[in-house]
Amino acid sequence: MADFTIYHNPRCTKSRETLALLEEHGVKPKVIEYLKTPPTAAQLKDIVAKLGIKPQDLVRKGEEIYKEKYAGKTLTDAQWIAALVKDPILIERPIVISGKRAILGRPPESVEALLR
């Protein structure tokens, strides 16, 4: 089976459910607690490319810091990447990566596409 990585927040229910689902399928992913070890700008660029989304689509818009600093602003992709590096709490979670593909675990069952 391919190598898997999960960008994980253990305080997040969906993140815990996604990790449990992977483990139920016999996957032992590399777990990165992204609030303790935030991804670099280069890693984030790679992640959004694998997800097939724009950086702003990875932003958690319900977070207070988003409302205070970013709501209503038009940022470039590079500026959004910089914002996610500076404030990793804004990164949507969980993100599961396997090879050249990545999926957001919202809902957790969506990661089953990586298991096929």
Protein backbone atom coordinates (compact mmCIF):
# COMPACT_ATOMS: atom_id res chain seq x y z
CA MET A 1 0.00 0.00 0.00
CA ALA A 2 1.16 3.52 -0.79
CA ASP A 3 2.53 5.84 1.84
CA PHE A 4 -0.02 8.13 3.44
CA THR A 5 0.39 11.42 5.28
CA ILE A 6 -2.32 13.17 7.27
CA TYR A 7 -2.18 16.81 8.30
CA HIS A 8 -3.99 16.36 11.55
CA ASN A 9 -5.44 18.34 14.44
CA PRO A 10 -6.17 15.95 17.31
CA ARG A 11 -8.71 18.43 18.74
CA CYS A 12 -10.82 18.23 15.57
CA THR A 13 -13.54 15.58 15.41
CA LYS A 14 -13.36 15.22 11.61
CA SER A 15 -9.60 14.88 11.77
CA ARG A 16 -9.83 12.15 14.42
CA GLU A 17 -12.55 10.36 12.44
CA THR A 18 -10.46 10.49 9.27
CA LEU A 19 -7.40 9.10 11.05
CA ALA A 20 -9.52 6.32 12.54
CA LEU A 21 -10.97 5.48 9.12
CA LEU A 22 -7.49 5.19 7.62
CA GLU A 23 -6.38 2.94 10.48
CA GLU A 24 -9.51 0.76 10.06
CA HIS A 25 -8.35 0.16 6.48
CA GLY A 26 -4.91 -0.92 7.70
CA VAL A 27 -3.22 2.38 6.83
CA LYS A 28 -0.67 3.70 9.27
CA PRO A 29 -0.17 7.24 7.99
CA LYS A 30 2.59 9.64 8.86
CA VAL A 31 0.77 12.02 11.20
CA ILE A 32 1.72 15.69 11.06
CA GLU A 33 0.11 17.82 13.73
CA TYR A 34 0.18 20.90 11.54
CA LEU A 35 -0.41 23.35 14.39
CA LYS A 36 2.80 22.10 16.06
CA THR A 37 4.70 21.58 12.79
CA PRO A 38 3.16 23.90 10.19
CA PRO A 39 3.81 23.22 6.53
CA THR A 40 6.18 25.51 4.68
CA ALA A 41 5.08 27.67 1.76
CA ALA A 42 6.56 25.11 -0.65
CA GLN A 43 4.71 22.26 1.06
CA LEU A 44 1.43 24.22 0.96
CA LYS A 45 1.88 24.93 -2.75
CA ASP A 46 2.39 21.21 -3.30
CA ILE A 47 -0.65 20.36 -1.18
CA VAL A 48 -3.02 22.70 -3.00
CA ALA A 49 -1.70 21.41 -6.34
CA LYS A 50 -2.40 17.82 -5.27
CA LEU A 51 -5.84 18.83 -4.01
CA GLY A 52 -6.51 20.64 -7.28
CA ILE A 53 -7.75 23.78 -5.53
CA LYS A 54 -6.71 27.40 -5.07
CA PRO A 55 -4.98 28.35 -1.79
CA GLN A 56 -8.00 30.42 -0.67
CA ASP A 57 -10.13 27.25 -0.93
CA LEU A 58 -8.01 25.73 1.86
CA VAL A 59 -8.85 28.56 4.27
CA ARG A 60 -11.13 27.96 7.25
CA LYS A 61 -13.32 31.03 7.01
CA GLY A 62 -15.06 30.43 10.34
CA GLU A 63 -11.89 31.03 12.33
CA GLU A 64 -11.75 34.24 14.35
CA ILE A 65 -8.35 35.16 12.92
CA TYR A 66 -9.82 34.94 9.41
CA LYS A 67 -12.62 37.31 10.37
CA GLU A 68 -10.17 39.73 12.00
CA LYS A 69 -7.43 39.75 9.38
CA TYR A 70 -8.63 38.40 6.05
CA ALA A 71 -12.42 38.59 5.61
CA GLY A 72 -13.42 40.66 2.61
CA LYS A 73 -9.86 40.96 1.31
CA THR A 74 -8.72 39.90 -2.13
CA LEU A 75 -5.36 38.16 -1.87
CA THR A 76 -3.18 36.55 -4.51
CA ASP A 77 -2.38 32.84 -4.30
CA ALA A 78 1.06 33.73 -2.92
CA GLN A 79 -0.50 35.99 -0.26
CA TRP A 80 -2.93 33.23 0.79
CA ILE A 81 -0.04 30.77 1.05
CA ALA A 82 1.84 33.28 3.22
CA ALA A 83 -1.26 33.75 5.39
CA LEU A 84 -1.61 29.99 5.87
CA VAL A 85 2.06 29.70 6.81
CA LYS A 86 1.73 32.58 9.29
CA ASP A 87 -1.60 31.42 10.75
CA PRO A 88 -1.80 27.62 10.28
CA ILE A 89 -5.05 27.48 12.26
CA LEU A 90 -6.59 28.72 9.00
CA ILE A 91 -5.69 25.50 7.16
CA GLU A 92 -8.70 23.28 6.49
CA ARG A 93 -8.28 19.84 7.97
CA PRO A 94 -7.65 17.02 7.74
CA ILE A 95 -5.63 16.71 4.57
CA VAL A 96 -4.64 13.20 3.52
CA ILE A 97 -1.92 12.74 0.93
CA SER A 98 -0.94 9.60 -0.92
CA GLY A 99 1.58 9.92 -3.72
CA LYS A 100 0.50 12.62 -6.15
CA ARG A 101 -3.04 12.80 -4.80
CA ALA A 102 -4.58 14.51 -1.79
CA ILE A 103 -8.08 14.77 -0.37
CA LEU A 104 -9.68 16.81 2.38
CA GLY A 105 -11.24 14.52 4.94
CA ARG A 106 -14.54 16.41 4.98
CA PRO A 107 -16.43 14.18 5.25
CA PRO A 108 -13.97 11.56 6.51
CA GLU A 109 -15.34 9.01 4.02
CA SER A 110 -13.99 11.11 1.14
CA VAL A 111 -10.50 9.71 1.83
CA GLU A 112 -11.70 6.27 0.75
CA ALA A 113 -11.01 7.44 -2.82
CA LEU A 114 -7.30 7.35 -1.96
CA LEU A 115 -7.61 3.77 -0.74
CA ARG A 116 -8.75 2.43 -4.12
